[in-house]
Amino acid sequence: QGGNESEEKKACQFKRSLLQNCSGIEDPTFGYSKGQPCILLKMNR
């Protein structure tokens, strides 16, 4: 993104539905109730 460094920048969508079986949408327990846990990994900014 160009423009002045002080201008507010736009951000790209990251929807939790992209996480599929680990989204907590279809399985609200994230697999923990079945002994198949989901863990999320993120990079530091």
All heavy atoms as atom14 arrays in JSON, in Angstrom:
{
  "sequence": "QGGNESEEKKACQFKRSLLQNCSGIEDPTFGYSKGQPCILLKMNR",
  "atom14_mask": [
    [1, 1, 1, 1, 1, 1, 1, 1, 1, 0, 0, 0, 0, 0],
    [1, 1, 1, 1, 0, 0, 0, 0, 0, 0, 0, 0, 0, 0],
    [1, 1, 1, 1, 0, 0, 0, 0, 0, 0, 0, 0, 0, 0],
    [1, 1, 1, 1, 1, 1, 1, 1, 0, 0, 0, 0, 0, 0],
    [1, 1, 1, 1, 1, 1, 1, 1, 1, 0, 0, 0, 0, 0],
    [1, 1, 1, 1, 1, 1, 0, 0, 0, 0, 0, 0, 0, 0],
    [1, 1, 1, 1, 1, 1, 1, 1, 1, 0, 0, 0, 0, 0],
    [1, 1, 1, 1, 1, 1, 1, 1, 1, 0, 0, 0, 0, 0],
    [1, 1, 1, 1, 1, 1, 1, 1, 1, 0, 0, 0, 0, 0],
    [1, 1, 1, 1, 1, 1, 1, 1, 1, 0, 0, 0, 0, 0],
    [1, 1, 1, 1, 1, 0, 0, 0, 0, 0, 0, 0, 0, 0],
    [1, 1, 1, 1, 1, 1, 0, 0, 0, 0, 0, 0, 0, 0],
    [1, 1, 1, 1, 1, 1, 1, 1, 1, 0, 0, 0, 0, 0],
    [1, 1, 1, 1, 1, 1, 1, 1, 1, 1, 1, 0, 0, 0],
    [1, 1, 1, 1, 1, 1, 1, 1, 1, 0, 0, 0, 0, 0],
    [1, 1, 1, 1, 1, 1, 1, 1, 1, 1, 1, 0, 0, 0],
    [1, 1, 1, 1, 1, 1, 0, 0, 0, 0, 0, 0, 0, 0],
    [1, 1, 1, 1, 1, 1, 1, 1, 0, 0, 0, 0, 0, 0],
    [1, 1, 1, 1, 1, 1, 1, 1, 0, 0, 0, 0, 0, 0],
    [1, 1, 1, 1, 1, 1, 1, 1, 1, 0, 0, 0, 0, 0],
    [1, 1, 1, 1, 1, 1, 1, 1, 0, 0, 0, 0, 0, 0],
    [1, 1, 1, 1, 1, 1, 0, 0, 0, 0, 0, 0, 0, 0],
    [1, 1, 1, 1, 1, 1, 0, 0, 0, 0, 0, 0, 0, 0],
    [1, 1, 1, 1, 0, 0, 0, 0, 0, 0, 0, 0, 0, 0],
    [1, 1, 1, 1, 1, 1, 1, 1, 0, 0, 0, 0, 0, 0],
    [1, 1, 1, 1, 1, 1, 1, 1, 1, 0, 0, 0, 0, 0],
    [1, 1, 1, 1, 1, 1, 1, 1, 0, 0, 0, 0, 0, 0],
    [1, 1, 1, 1, 1, 1, 1, 0, 0, 0, 0, 0, 0, 0],
    [1, 1, 1, 1, 1, 1, 1, 0, 0, 0, 0, 0, 0, 0],
    [1, 1, 1, 1, 1, 1, 1, 1, 1, 1, 1, 0, 0, 0],
    [1, 1, 1, 1, 0, 0, 0, 0, 0, 0, 0, 0, 0, 0],
    [1, 1, 1, 1, 1, 1, 1, 1, 1, 1, 1, 1, 0, 0],
    [1, 1, 1, 1, 1, 1, 0, 0, 0, 0, 0, 0, 0, 0],
    [1, 1, 1, 1, 1, 1, 1, 1, 1, 0, 0, 0, 0, 0],
    [1, 1, 1, 1, 0, 0, 0, 0, 0, 0, 0, 0, 0, 0],
    [1, 1, 1, 1, 1, 1, 1, 1, 1, 0, 0, 0, 0, 0],
    [1, 1, 1, 1, 1, 1, 1, 0, 0, 0, 0, 0, 0, 0],
    [1, 1, 1, 1, 1, 1, 0, 0, 0, 0, 0, 0, 0, 0],
    [1, 1, 1, 1, 1, 1, 1, 1, 0, 0, 0, 0, 0, 0],
    [1, 1, 1, 1, 1, 1, 1, 1, 0, 0, 0, 0, 0, 0],
    [1, 1, 1, 1, 1, 1, 1, 1, 0, 0, 0, 0, 0, 0],
    [1, 1, 1, 1, 1, 1, 1, 1, 1, 0, 0, 0, 0, 0],
    [1, 1, 1, 1, 1, 1, 1, 1, 0, 0, 0, 0, 0, 0],
    [1, 1, 1, 1, 1, 1, 1, 1, 0, 0, 0, 0, 0, 0],
    [1, 1, 1, 1, 1, 1, 1, 1, 1, 1, 1, 0, 0, 0]
  ],
  "atom14_positions": [
    [[0.83, -1.19, 0.0], [0.0, 0.0, 0.0], [0.87, 1.25, 0.0], [1.8, 1.36, 0.8], [-0.92, 0.01, 1.22], [-1.82, -1.22, 1.32], [-2.73, -1.17, 2.51], [-3.6, -0.31, 2.61], [-2.55, -2.13, 3.42], [0.0, 0.0, 0.0], [0.0, 0.0, 0.0], [0.0, 0.0, 0.0], [0.0, 0.0, 0.0], [0.0, 0.0, 0.0]],
    [[0.53, 2.15, -0.9], [1.29, 3.39, -1.01], [0.7, 4.46, -0.12], [0.0, 4.18, 0.86], [0.0, 0.0, 0.0], [0.0, 0.0, 0.0], [0.0, 0.0, 0.0], [0.0, 0.0, 0.0], [0.0, 0.0, 0.0], [0.0, 0.0, 0.0], [0.0, 0.0, 0.0], [0.0, 0.0, 0.0], [0.0, 0.0, 0.0], [0.0, 0.0, 0.0]],
    [[0.99, 5.71, -0.47], [0.47, 6.82, 0.29], [1.38, 7.23, 1.43], [2.41, 6.61, 1.7], [0.0, 0.0, 0.0], [0.0, 0.0, 0.0], [0.0, 0.0, 0.0], [0.0, 0.0, 0.0], [0.0, 0.0, 0.0], [0.0, 0.0, 0.0], [0.0, 0.0, 0.0], [0.0, 0.0, 0.0], [0.0, 0.0, 0.0], [0.0, 0.0, 0.0]],
    [[0.97, 8.26, 2.13], [1.73, 8.78, 3.26], [1.74, 7.75, 4.4], [0.77, 7.04, 4.62], [1.1, 10.09, 3.74], [1.98, 10.81, 4.75], [2.08, 10.39, 5.9], [2.62, 11.89, 4.32], [0.0, 0.0, 0.0], [0.0, 0.0, 0.0], [0.0, 0.0, 0.0], [0.0, 0.0, 0.0], [0.0, 0.0, 0.0], [0.0, 0.0, 0.0]],
    [[2.85, 7.7, 5.12], [2.97, 6.68, 6.17], [1.97, 6.89, 7.31], [1.69, 5.97, 8.07], [4.39, 6.63, 6.73], [4.8, 7.88, 7.5], [6.15, 7.74, 8.18], [6.77, 6.67, 8.03], [6.58, 8.7, 8.86], [0.0, 0.0, 0.0], [0.0, 0.0, 0.0], [0.0, 0.0, 0.0], [0.0, 0.0, 0.0], [0.0, 0.0, 0.0]],
    [[1.41, 8.09, 7.41], [0.45, 8.37, 8.47], [-0.99, 8.01, 8.08], [-1.88, 8.04, 8.92], [0.51, 9.85, 8.87], [0.15, 10.67, 7.77], [0.0, 0.0, 0.0], [0.0, 0.0, 0.0], [0.0, 0.0, 0.0], [0.0, 0.0, 0.0], [0.0, 0.0, 0.0], [0.0, 0.0, 0.0], [0.0, 0.0, 0.0], [0.0, 0.0, 0.0]],
    [[-1.21, 7.69, 6.8], [-2.55, 7.35, 6.34], [-2.96, 5.98, 6.86], [-2.16, 5.05, 6.89], [-2.62, 7.35, 4.82], [-2.45, 8.72, 4.18], [-2.49, 8.64, 2.66], [-2.78, 7.54, 2.13], [-2.22, 9.66, 2.01], [0.0, 0.0, 0.0], [0.0, 0.0, 0.0], [0.0, 0.0, 0.0], [0.0, 0.0, 0.0], [0.0, 0.0, 0.0]],
    [[-4.24, 5.86, 7.25], [-4.73, 4.57, 7.73], [-4.73, 3.56, 6.58], [-5.21, 3.83, 5.49], [-6.14, 4.71, 8.29], [-6.67, 3.42, 8.9], [-8.0, 3.6, 9.6], [-8.15, 4.61, 10.32], [-8.88, 2.75, 9.41], [0.0, 0.0, 0.0], [0.0, 0.0, 0.0], [0.0, 0.0, 0.0], [0.0, 0.0, 0.0], [0.0, 0.0, 0.0]],
    [[-4.18, 2.39, 6.84], [-4.05, 1.35, 5.82], [-5.18, 0.34, 5.93], [-5.75, 0.13, 7.0], [-2.7, 0.63, 5.97], [-1.48, 1.55, 5.87], [-1.38, 2.22, 4.51], [-0.07, 2.95, 4.31], [0.12, 4.11, 5.16], [0.0, 0.0, 0.0], [0.0, 0.0, 0.0], [0.0, 0.0, 0.0], [0.0, 0.0, 0.0], [0.0, 0.0, 0.0]],
    [[-5.49, -0.26, 4.82], [-6.51, -1.29, 4.79], [-5.9, -2.63, 5.2], [-4.71, -2.86, 5.05], [-7.13, -1.39, 3.39], [-7.85, -0.12, 2.96], [-8.4, -0.25, 1.55], [-9.13, 1.03, 1.14], [-9.64, 0.95, -0.25], [0.0, 0.0, 0.0], [0.0, 0.0, 0.0], [0.0, 0.0, 0.0], [0.0, 0.0, 0.0], [0.0, 0.0, 0.0]],
    [[-6.74, -3.51, 5.71], [-6.28, -4.83, 6.14], [-7.08, -5.91, 5.41], [-8.25, -5.73, 5.09], [-6.44, -4.99, 7.64], [0.0, 0.0, 0.0], [0.0, 0.0, 0.0], [0.0, 0.0, 0.0], [0.0, 0.0, 0.0], [0.0, 0.0, 0.0], [0.0, 0.0, 0.0], [0.0, 0.0, 0.0], [0.0, 0.0, 0.0], [0.0, 0.0, 0.0]],
    [[-6.43, -7.03, 5.14], [-7.07, -8.13, 4.44], [-7.88, -8.99, 5.4], [-7.5, -9.18, 6.56], [-6.02, -9.01, 3.75], [-5.04, -8.12, 2.51], [0.0, 0.0, 0.0], [0.0, 0.0, 0.0], [0.0, 0.0, 0.0], [0.0, 0.0, 0.0], [0.0, 0.0, 0.0], [0.0, 0.0, 0.0], [0.0, 0.0, 0.0], [0.0, 0.0, 0.0]],
    [[-8.98, -9.5, 4.9], [-9.83, -10.35, 5.72], [-9.15, -11.69, 6.03], [-8.56, -12.31, 5.15], [-11.15, -10.65, 4.99], [-12.03, -9.44, 4.76], [-13.28, -9.79, 3.98], [-13.55, -10.95, 3.67], [-14.06, -8.77, 3.63], [0.0, 0.0, 0.0], [0.0, 0.0, 0.0], [0.0, 0.0, 0.0], [0.0, 0.0, 0.0], [0.0, 0.0, 0.0]],
    [[-9.24, -12.08, 7.3], [-8.91, -13.46, 7.68], [-10.1, -13.97, 8.49], [-10.25, -13.64, 9.67], [-7.63, -13.56, 8.51], [-7.18, -14.99, 8.69], [-6.17, -15.53, 7.92], [-7.79, -15.82, 9.64], [-5.76, -16.86, 8.07], [-7.41, -17.14, 9.8], [-6.39, -17.66, 9.01], [0.0, 0.0, 0.0], [0.0, 0.0, 0.0], [0.0, 0.0, 0.0]],
    [[-10.96, -14.74, 7.84], [-12.18, -15.22, 8.47], [-11.91, -16.52, 9.21], [-11.18, -17.38, 8.73], [-13.26, -15.44, 7.43], [-13.65, -14.2, 6.66], [-14.7, -14.52, 5.6], [-15.12, -13.29, 4.82], [-16.12, -13.61, 3.78], [0.0, 0.0, 0.0], [0.0, 0.0, 0.0], [0.0, 0.0, 0.0], [0.0, 0.0, 0.0], [0.0, 0.0, 0.0]],
    [[-12.53, -16.67, 10.37], [-12.32, -17.89, 11.15], [-12.82, -19.13, 10.41], [-12.35, -20.25, 10.66], [-12.97, -17.79, 12.52], [-14.48, -17.76, 12.53], [-15.02, -17.49, 13.93], [-14.73, -18.57, 14.87], [-15.0, -18.51, 16.17], [-15.55, -17.41, 16.68], [-14.74, -19.51, 16.98], [0.0, 0.0, 0.0], [0.0, 0.0, 0.0], [0.0, 0.0, 0.0]],
    [[-13.74, -18.97, 9.46], [-14.23, -20.11, 8.68], [-13.12, -20.74, 7.85], [-13.22, -21.91, 7.46], [-15.39, -19.68, 7.77], [-15.0, -18.64, 6.89], [0.0, 0.0, 0.0], [0.0, 0.0, 0.0], [0.0, 0.0, 0.0], [0.0, 0.0, 0.0], [0.0, 0.0, 0.0], [0.0, 0.0, 0.0], [0.0, 0.0, 0.0], [0.0, 0.0, 0.0]],
    [[-12.04, -19.98, 7.59], [-10.91, -20.54, 6.86], [-10.24, -21.67, 7.64], [-9.56, -22.51, 7.07], [-9.87, -19.45, 6.57], [-10.26, -18.34, 5.58], [-9.2, -17.25, 5.58], [-10.45, -18.92, 4.19], [0.0, 0.0, 0.0], [0.0, 0.0, 0.0], [0.0, 0.0, 0.0], [0.0, 0.0, 0.0], [0.0, 0.0, 0.0], [0.0, 0.0, 0.0]],
    [[-10.45, -21.67, 8.95], [-9.82, -22.68, 9.81], [-10.58, -24.0, 9.81], [-10.19, -24.93, 10.51], [-9.69, -22.13, 11.23], [-8.89, -20.83, 11.37], [-8.9, -20.35, 12.81], [-7.47, -21.02, 10.88], [0.0, 0.0, 0.0], [0.0, 0.0, 0.0], [0.0, 0.0, 0.0], [0.0, 0.0, 0.0], [0.0, 0.0, 0.0], [0.0, 0.0, 0.0]],
    [[-11.7, -24.05, 9.1], [-12.47, -25.26, 8.87], [-12.76, -26.03, 10.17], [-13.46, -25.53, 11.04], [-11.77, -26.13, 7.82], [-11.61, -25.42, 6.48], [-10.91, -26.25, 5.44], [-11.25, -27.41, 5.2], [-9.9, -25.67, 4.81], [0.0, 0.0, 0.0], [0.0, 0.0, 0.0], [0.0, 0.0, 0.0], [0.0, 0.0, 0.0], [0.0, 0.0, 0.0]],
    [[-12.22, -27.22, 10.32], [-12.52, -28.04, 11.5], [-12.02, -27.43, 12.8], [-12.4, -27.87, 13.89], [-11.93, -29.45, 11.34], [-12.62, -30.24, 10.25], [-13.73, -29.91, 9.83], [-11.97, -31.29, 9.76], [0.0, 0.0, 0.0], [0.0, 0.0, 0.0], [0.0, 0.0, 0.0], [0.0, 0.0, 0.0], [0.0, 0.0, 0.0], [0.0, 0.0, 0.0]],
    [[-11.16, -26.42, 12.7], [-10.64, -25.75, 13.89], [-11.2, -24.35, 14.05], [-10.65, -23.53, 14.79], [-9.11, -25.69, 13.83], [-8.29, -27.28, 14.12], [0.0, 0.0, 0.0], [0.0, 0.0, 0.0], [0.0, 0.0, 0.0], [0.0, 0.0, 0.0], [0.0, 0.0, 0.0], [0.0, 0.0, 0.0], [0.0, 0.0, 0.0], [0.0, 0.0, 0.0]],
    [[-12.3, -24.06, 13.37], [-12.9, -22.73, 13.44], [-13.8, -22.56, 14.66], [-14.11, -21.44, 15.05], [-13.72, -22.45, 12.17], [-14.84, -23.31, 12.1], [0.0, 0.0, 0.0], [0.0, 0.0, 0.0], [0.0, 0.0, 0.0], [0.0, 0.0, 0.0], [0.0, 0.0, 0.0], [0.0, 0.0, 0.0], [0.0, 0.0, 0.0], [0.0, 0.0, 0.0]],
    [[-14.26, -23.67, 15.23], [-15.2, -23.6, 16.35], [-16.62, -23.36, 15.89], [-17.51, -23.14, 16.72], [0.0, 0.0, 0.0], [0.0, 0.0, 0.0], [0.0, 0.0, 0.0], [0.0, 0.0, 0.0], [0.0, 0.0, 0.0], [0.0, 0.0, 0.0], [0.0, 0.0, 0.0], [0.0, 0.0, 0.0], [0.0, 0.0, 0.0], [0.0, 0.0, 0.0]],
    [[-16.86, -23.41, 14.58], [-18.19, -23.18, 14.05], [-19.01, -24.47, 14.05], [-20.07, -24.54, 14.67], [-18.12, -22.58, 12.63], [-17.41, -21.21, 12.67], [-19.52, -22.44, 12.03], [-17.14, -20.61, 11.32], [0.0, 0.0, 0.0], [0.0, 0.0, 0.0], [0.0, 0.0, 0.0], [0.0, 0.0, 0.0], [0.0, 0.0, 0.0], [0.0, 0.0, 0.0]],
    [[-18.52, -25.49, 13.36], [-19.23, -26.76, 13.34], [-19.01, -27.55, 14.63], [-19.9, -28.23, 15.11], [-18.78, -27.59, 12.13], [-19.23, -26.99, 10.79], [-18.93, -27.91, 9.63], [-18.49, -29.05, 9.87], [-19.12, -27.48, 8.48], [0.0, 0.0, 0.0], [0.0, 0.0, 0.0], [0.0, 0.0, 0.0], [0.0, 0.0, 0.0], [0.0, 0.0, 0.0]],
    [[-17.8, -27.49, 15.16], [-17.49, -28.15, 16.42], [-17.09, -27.09, 17.44], [-15.93, -26.66, 17.47], [-16.35, -29.16, 16.23], [-15.94, -29.83, 17.55], [-16.65, -29.64, 18.57], [-14.92, -30.54, 17.56], [0.0, 0.0, 0.0], [0.0, 0.0, 0.0], [0.0, 0.0, 0.0], [0.0, 0.0, 0.0], [0.0, 0.0, 0.0], [0.0, 0.0, 0.0]],
    [[-18.02, -26.65, 18.27], [-17.73, -25.58, 19.24], [-16.68, -25.94, 20.28], [-16.2, -25.07, 21.01], [-19.09, -25.34, 19.91], [-20.1, -25.89, 18.96], [-19.43, -27.06, 18.32], [0.0, 0.0, 0.0], [0.0, 0.0, 0.0], [0.0, 0.0, 0.0], [0.0, 0.0, 0.0], [0.0, 0.0, 0.0], [0.0, 0.0, 0.0], [0.0, 0.0, 0.0]],
    [[-16.29, -27.23, 20.35], [-15.28, -27.63, 21.34], [-13.89, -27.73, 20.73], [-12.94, -28.13, 21.41], [-15.64, -28.99, 21.98], [-15.46, -30.04, 21.02], [-17.07, -29.0, 22.49], [0.0, 0.0, 0.0], [0.0, 0.0, 0.0], [0.0, 0.0, 0.0], [0.0, 0.0, 0.0], [0.0, 0.0, 0.0], [0.0, 0.0, 0.0], [0.0, 0.0, 0.0]],
    [[-13.75, -27.38, 19.46], [-12.45, -27.4, 18.79], [-11.74, -28.76, 18.9], [-10.52, -28.83, 18.94], [-11.52, -26.31, 19.36], [-12.04, -24.92, 19.17], [-12.76, -24.29, 20.19], [-11.83, -24.22, 18.0], [-13.24, -23.0, 20.03], [-12.31, -22.93, 17.84], [-13.02, -22.32, 18.85], [0.0, 0.0, 0.0], [0.0, 0.0, 0.0], [0.0, 0.0, 0.0]],
    [[-12.53, -29.83, 18.97], [-11.95, -31.16, 19.02], [-11.55, -31.63, 20.4], [-11.22, -32.81, 20.59], [0.0, 0.0, 0.0], [0.0, 0.0, 0.0], [0.0, 0.0, 0.0], [0.0, 0.0, 0.0], [0.0, 0.0, 0.0], [0.0, 0.0, 0.0], [0.0, 0.0, 0.0], [0.0, 0.0, 0.0], [0.0, 0.0, 0.0], [0.0, 0.0, 0.0]],
    [[-11.6, -30.76, 21.41], [-11.14, -31.13, 22.75], [-12.06, -32.2, 23.37], [-11.59, -33.05, 24.13], [-11.06, -29.9, 23.66], [-9.85, -29.05, 23.36], [-9.84, -28.17, 22.28], [-8.69, -29.14, 24.13], [-8.73, -27.39, 21.98], [-7.58, -28.38, 23.85], [-7.6, -27.5, 22.77], [-6.48, -26.75, 22.48], [0.0, 0.0, 0.0], [0.0, 0.0, 0.0]],
    [[-13.34, -32.16, 23.05], [-14.26, -33.14, 23.61], [-14.04, -34.54, 23.04], [-14.53, -35.53, 23.58], [-15.71, -32.72, 23.34], [-15.98, -32.69, 21.94], [0.0, 0.0, 0.0], [0.0, 0.0, 0.0], [0.0, 0.0, 0.0], [0.0, 0.0, 0.0], [0.0, 0.0, 0.0], [0.0, 0.0, 0.0], [0.0, 0.0, 0.0], [0.0, 0.0, 0.0]],
    [[-13.26, -34.63, 21.96], [-12.97, -35.92, 21.32], [-11.51, -36.34, 21.52], [-11.09, -37.37, 21.01], [-13.26, -35.83, 19.81], [-14.68, -35.4, 19.47], [-14.81, -35.16, 17.98], [-16.2, -34.61, 17.64], [-16.32, -34.27, 16.19], [0.0, 0.0, 0.0], [0.0, 0.0, 0.0], [0.0, 0.0, 0.0], [0.0, 0.0, 0.0], [0.0, 0.0, 0.0]],
    [[-10.76, -35.51, 22.23], [-9.34, -35.82, 22.4], [-8.53, -35.52, 21.15], [-7.45, -36.07, 20.96], [0.0, 0.0, 0.0], [0.0, 0.0, 0.0], [0.0, 0.0, 0.0], [0.0, 0.0, 0.0], [0.0, 0.0, 0.0], [0.0, 0.0, 0.0], [0.0, 0.0, 0.0], [0.0, 0.0, 0.0], [0.0, 0.0, 0.0], [0.0, 0.0, 0.0]],
    [[-9.06, -34.63, 20.3], [-8.38, -34.24, 19.07], [-8.27, -32.72, 19.03], [-8.93, -32.04, 18.25], [-9.15, -34.75, 17.85], [-9.28, -36.26, 17.81], [-10.11, -36.74, 16.62], [-10.97, -36.03, 16.1], [-9.83, -37.94, 16.16], [0.0, 0.0, 0.0], [0.0, 0.0, 0.0], [0.0, 0.0, 0.0], [0.0, 0.0, 0.0], [0.0, 0.0, 0.0]],
    [[-7.44, -32.15, 19.88], [-7.42, -30.69, 20.07], [-6.87, -29.9, 18.89], [-5.97, -30.34, 18.17], [-6.51, -30.52, 21.29], [-5.58, -31.69, 21.22], [-6.43, -32.83, 20.72], [0.0, 0.0, 0.0], [0.0, 0.0, 0.0], [0.0, 0.0, 0.0], [0.0, 0.0, 0.0], [0.0, 0.0, 0.0], [0.0, 0.0, 0.0], [0.0, 0.0, 0.0]],
    [[-7.44, -28.72, 18.71], [-6.92, -27.74, 17.76], [-6.04, -26.73, 18.5], [-6.39, -26.3, 19.61], [-8.06, -26.99, 17.08], [-9.01, -27.96, 15.89], [0.0, 0.0, 0.0], [0.0, 0.0, 0.0], [0.0, 0.0, 0.0], [0.0, 0.0, 0.0], [0.0, 0.0, 0.0], [0.0, 0.0, 0.0], [0.0, 0.0, 0.0], [0.0, 0.0, 0.0]],
    [[-4.94, -26.38, 17.9], [-4.05, -25.35, 18.44], [-3.73, -24.39, 17.31], [-3.47, -24.79, 16.18], [-2.76, -25.98, 19.0], [-3.1, -26.9, 20.19], [-1.77, -24.9, 19.44], [-1.91, -27.64, 20.76], [0.0, 0.0, 0.0], [0.0, 0.0, 0.0], [0.0, 0.0, 0.0], [0.0, 0.0, 0.0], [0.0, 0.0, 0.0], [0.0, 0.0, 0.0]],
    [[-3.77, -23.09, 17.62], [-3.53, -22.07, 16.62], [-2.11, -21.54, 16.74], [-1.6, -21.33, 17.84], [-4.52, -20.91, 16.79], [-6.0, -21.29, 16.81], [-6.86, -20.06, 17.07], [-6.4, -21.96, 15.5], [0.0, 0.0, 0.0], [0.0, 0.0, 0.0], [0.0, 0.0, 0.0], [0.0, 0.0, 0.0], [0.0, 0.0, 0.0], [0.0, 0.0, 0.0]],
    [[-1.49, -21.31, 15.59], [-0.13, -20.79, 15.55], [-0.14, -19.44, 14.82], [-0.78, -19.31, 13.77], [0.78, -21.76, 14.8], [2.27, -21.42, 14.77], [2.91, -21.76, 16.11], [2.98, -22.19, 13.66], [0.0, 0.0, 0.0], [0.0, 0.0, 0.0], [0.0, 0.0, 0.0], [0.0, 0.0, 0.0], [0.0, 0.0, 0.0], [0.0, 0.0, 0.0]],
    [[0.53, -18.46, 15.41], [0.63, -17.16, 14.73], [2.05, -16.63, 14.82], [2.76, -16.87, 15.8], [-0.36, -16.16, 15.31], [-0.02, -15.58, 16.65], [-1.11, -14.61, 17.1], [-0.65, -13.75, 18.27], [0.34, -12.73, 17.88], [0.0, 0.0, 0.0], [0.0, 0.0, 0.0], [0.0, 0.0, 0.0], [0.0, 0.0, 0.0], [0.0, 0.0, 0.0]],
    [[2.44, -15.93, 13.78], [3.75, -15.3, 13.75], [3.68, -13.95, 14.45], [2.68, -13.24, 14.34], [4.23, -15.08, 12.31], [4.8, -16.3, 11.64], [5.73, -15.87, 10.14], [4.43, -15.82, 8.92], [0.0, 0.0, 0.0], [0.0, 0.0, 0.0], [0.0, 0.0, 0.0], [0.0, 0.0, 0.0], [0.0, 0.0, 0.0], [0.0, 0.0, 0.0]],
    [[4.75, -13.58, 15.14], [4.83, -12.26, 15.75], [4.89, -11.2, 14.65], [5.45, -11.42, 13.58], [6.06, -12.14, 16.64], [5.98, -13.05, 17.86], [4.91, -13.52, 18.22], [7.12, -13.3, 18.48], [0.0, 0.0, 0.0], [0.0, 0.0, 0.0], [0.0, 0.0, 0.0], [0.0, 0.0, 0.0], [0.0, 0.0, 0.0], [0.0, 0.0, 0.0]],
    [[4.3, -10.05, 14.93], [4.26, -8.97, 13.94], [5.6, -8.23, 13.88], [6.15, -7.85, 14.91], [3.14, -7.98, 14.28], [1.76, -8.61, 14.3], [0.73, -7.58, 14.72], [-0.6, -8.17, 14.82], [-1.69, -7.48, 15.15], [-1.59, -6.18, 15.41], [-2.87, -8.07, 15.22], [0.0, 0.0, 0.0], [0.0, 0.0, 0.0], [0.0, 0.0, 0.0]]
  ]
}
